[in-house]
Structures are given as structure tokens and as C-alpha cells.
Amino acid sequence: MKIEINPIKTEHLDKLSEIAAENYLLERQHAAALNNSLDKVYFSNALKEMLLNGIGNIAVENNDIIGYLIFNCSADRANSPLYGYGINHTNRAEIISKLFQHTAAKLCENLCQSIRVNVICPRF
């Protein structure tokens, strides 16, 4: 498996929204309290906002986007909501690990000298 990590771009929005919606459905299988009316349009709008000011990467295998990670960024913090990452591959752990490594490096270069990762699951 040859996985490339590339910068995230607005032109990736459709595929990212598709992955986000699929991953949300997977999360709902384990957390039934999550809103069941969210769809690809919701994730497209939310991700569009993040793409404007965020820092992130995509994972690509055989010219297909198989995952992404993006952080909202401000002068003093970076955060990523539940839909800020998504993996569409059987080897989820390896892919998200690579995405976190590359994205953390970008965050440290651009925003900070150290990084603390908090996983946030907002109420939808």
C-alpha cells in the first residue's frame, strides 16, 4: 500500500464531504444519540468553512482520496471537530496516524512550538 499525504485544497470538497458523511454514519452505529438528519450537504457547508482558514492534509492511494484531516486555525489555537477528519479505508489507524504526523508538523511550522491534541465530539 503506497499512501501519499498531500495538502488539502478546496477542490477536494466533494470527496471530503462524502467521506465525512460516511464516517458520521459509522459513528452513529456506536453513538445513537448523534443527530440522524445530517447529510452530505451539512458536511459540505461545514468543511467549506474549515478549508478557508484551516490547515490539513489528504491521504491518497492510487489517485483516490482515502482520508483527510483538517484543523480550524486561529492566532492561538487549532481544533478539529468530529467531521474534521475522515478515513475511507480498511487500514484506518495507519492512515490517521500519517495524517496526524504530517498535519501536526504543518501546525507547528505555522502556528505553534508545541501541540496538544484534544478530541472534541460536538453535539449536532
Protein backbone atom coordinates (compact mmCIF):
# COMPACT_ATOMS: atom_id res chain seq x y z
CA MET A 1 0.00 0.00 0.00
CA LYS A 2 1.54 3.27 -1.16
CA ILE A 3 -0.16 6.18 0.54
CA GLU A 4 0.73 9.78 -0.29
CA ILE A 5 -0.02 12.69 2.03
CA ASN A 6 -0.81 15.92 0.18
CA PRO A 7 -2.07 19.37 1.18
CA ILE A 8 -5.83 19.72 1.40
CA LYS A 9 -7.47 22.04 -1.15
CA THR A 10 -10.94 23.44 -1.76
CA GLU A 11 -11.22 21.37 -4.94
CA HIS A 12 -11.35 18.27 -2.69
CA LEU A 13 -14.58 19.42 -1.02
CA ASP A 14 -16.97 16.97 -2.71
CA LYS A 15 -14.89 13.90 -1.84
CA LEU A 16 -14.22 15.15 1.71
CA SER A 17 -17.96 15.70 2.26
CA GLU A 18 -18.69 12.19 1.03
CA ILE A 19 -16.10 10.68 3.40
CA ALA A 20 -17.36 12.85 6.30
CA ALA A 21 -20.95 11.70 5.79
CA GLU A 22 -19.89 8.03 5.59
CA ASN A 23 -17.76 8.33 8.74
CA TYR A 24 -20.59 10.06 10.59
CA LEU A 25 -22.89 7.14 9.78
CA LEU A 26 -20.25 4.78 11.20
CA GLU A 27 -20.05 6.87 14.39
CA ARG A 28 -23.85 6.80 14.72
CA GLN A 29 -23.73 2.99 14.88
CA HIS A 30 -21.90 3.36 18.20
CA ALA A 31 -23.47 6.59 19.42
CA ALA A 32 -27.16 6.56 18.59
CA ALA A 33 -27.68 9.96 20.26
CA LEU A 34 -25.92 11.67 17.35
CA ASN A 35 -28.28 13.56 15.06
CA ASN A 36 -29.67 11.29 12.32
CA SER A 37 -30.68 14.06 9.92
CA LEU A 38 -27.22 15.24 8.88
CA ASP A 39 -26.26 14.64 5.28
CA LYS A 40 -23.52 15.37 2.75
CA VAL A 41 -24.78 18.96 2.30
CA TYR A 42 -24.32 19.67 6.02
CA PHE A 43 -20.76 18.36 5.93
CA SER A 44 -20.00 20.18 2.69
CA ASN A 45 -21.00 23.53 4.25
CA ALA A 46 -19.09 22.83 7.47
CA LEU A 47 -15.95 21.69 5.67
CA LYS A 48 -16.07 24.64 3.26
CA GLU A 49 -15.66 26.95 6.26
CA MET A 50 -12.73 24.92 7.54
CA LEU A 51 -11.00 24.90 4.16
CA LEU A 52 -10.90 28.71 4.09
CA ASN A 53 -8.76 29.14 7.22
CA GLY A 54 -7.70 25.65 8.18
CA ILE A 55 -4.60 23.55 7.89
CA GLY A 56 -4.90 19.99 6.72
CA ASN A 57 -3.89 17.12 4.51
CA ILE A 58 -5.42 14.36 2.44
CA ALA A 59 -4.29 10.76 2.16
CA VAL A 60 -4.24 9.44 -1.41
CA GLU A 61 -3.90 5.88 -2.69
CA ASN A 62 -3.99 5.10 -6.42
CA ASN A 63 -5.12 8.70 -7.17
CA ASP A 64 -8.13 8.29 -4.85
CA ILE A 65 -8.62 10.34 -1.67
CA ILE A 66 -8.97 7.81 1.14
CA GLY A 67 -8.77 10.15 4.12
CA TYR A 68 -8.33 13.68 5.37
CA LEU A 69 -7.58 15.70 8.49
CA ILE A 70 -8.17 19.43 8.82
CA PHE A 71 -7.92 21.84 11.75
CA ASN A 72 -9.66 25.19 12.22
CA CYS A 73 -6.93 27.66 13.00
CA SER A 74 -6.80 30.98 14.79
CA ALA A 75 -3.96 33.03 16.22
CA ASP A 76 -3.77 30.99 19.42
CA ARG A 77 -5.38 27.60 18.77
CA ALA A 78 -6.23 24.87 16.35
CA ASN A 79 -9.11 22.42 16.73
CA SER A 80 -10.78 19.75 14.69
CA PRO A 81 -14.42 18.76 15.19
CA LEU A 82 -15.79 15.27 14.56
CA TYR A 83 -16.17 15.99 10.85
CA GLY A 84 -12.64 17.45 10.66
CA TYR A 85 -11.25 14.05 9.77
CA GLY A 86 -12.41 11.02 7.89
CA ILE A 87 -10.96 7.74 6.64
CA ASN A 88 -12.41 5.53 3.93
CA HIS A 89 -10.02 2.57 4.04
CA THR A 90 -9.58 -0.72 5.87
CA ASN A 91 -6.31 0.45 7.46
CA ARG A 92 -7.78 3.41 9.33
CA ALA A 93 -5.22 3.51 12.15
CA GLU A 94 -2.19 3.76 9.88
CA ILE A 95 -3.78 6.41 7.68
CA ILE A 96 -4.95 8.68 10.51
CA SER A 97 -1.53 8.30 12.15
CA LYS A 98 0.19 9.53 8.98
CA LEU A 99 -2.29 12.37 8.61
CA PHE A 100 -1.78 13.48 12.23
CA GLN A 101 2.02 13.38 11.85
CA HIS A 102 2.04 15.48 8.69
CA THR A 103 -0.63 17.90 9.85
CA ALA A 104 0.96 18.38 13.28
CA ALA A 105 4.22 19.25 11.54
CA LYS A 106 2.40 21.90 9.48
CA LEU A 107 0.65 23.27 12.57
CA CYS A 108 3.94 23.54 14.45
CA GLU A 109 5.64 25.24 11.49
CA ASN A 110 2.85 27.77 11.04
CA LEU A 111 1.26 28.30 14.43
CA CYS A 112 2.99 26.92 17.45
CA GLN A 113 6.06 25.43 19.04
CA SER A 114 4.21 22.60 20.76
CA ILE A 115 0.93 20.86 20.19
CA ARG A 116 -1.69 19.28 22.43
CA VAL A 117 -4.37 17.22 20.73
CA ASN A 118 -7.89 17.20 22.16
CA VAL A 119 -10.58 15.13 20.54
CA ILE A 120 -13.87 17.01 20.59
CA CYS A 121 -17.24 15.49 19.74
CA PRO A 122 -19.71 18.37 19.44
CA ARG A 123 -23.43 17.95 19.81
CA PHE A 124 -25.01 18.01 16.37
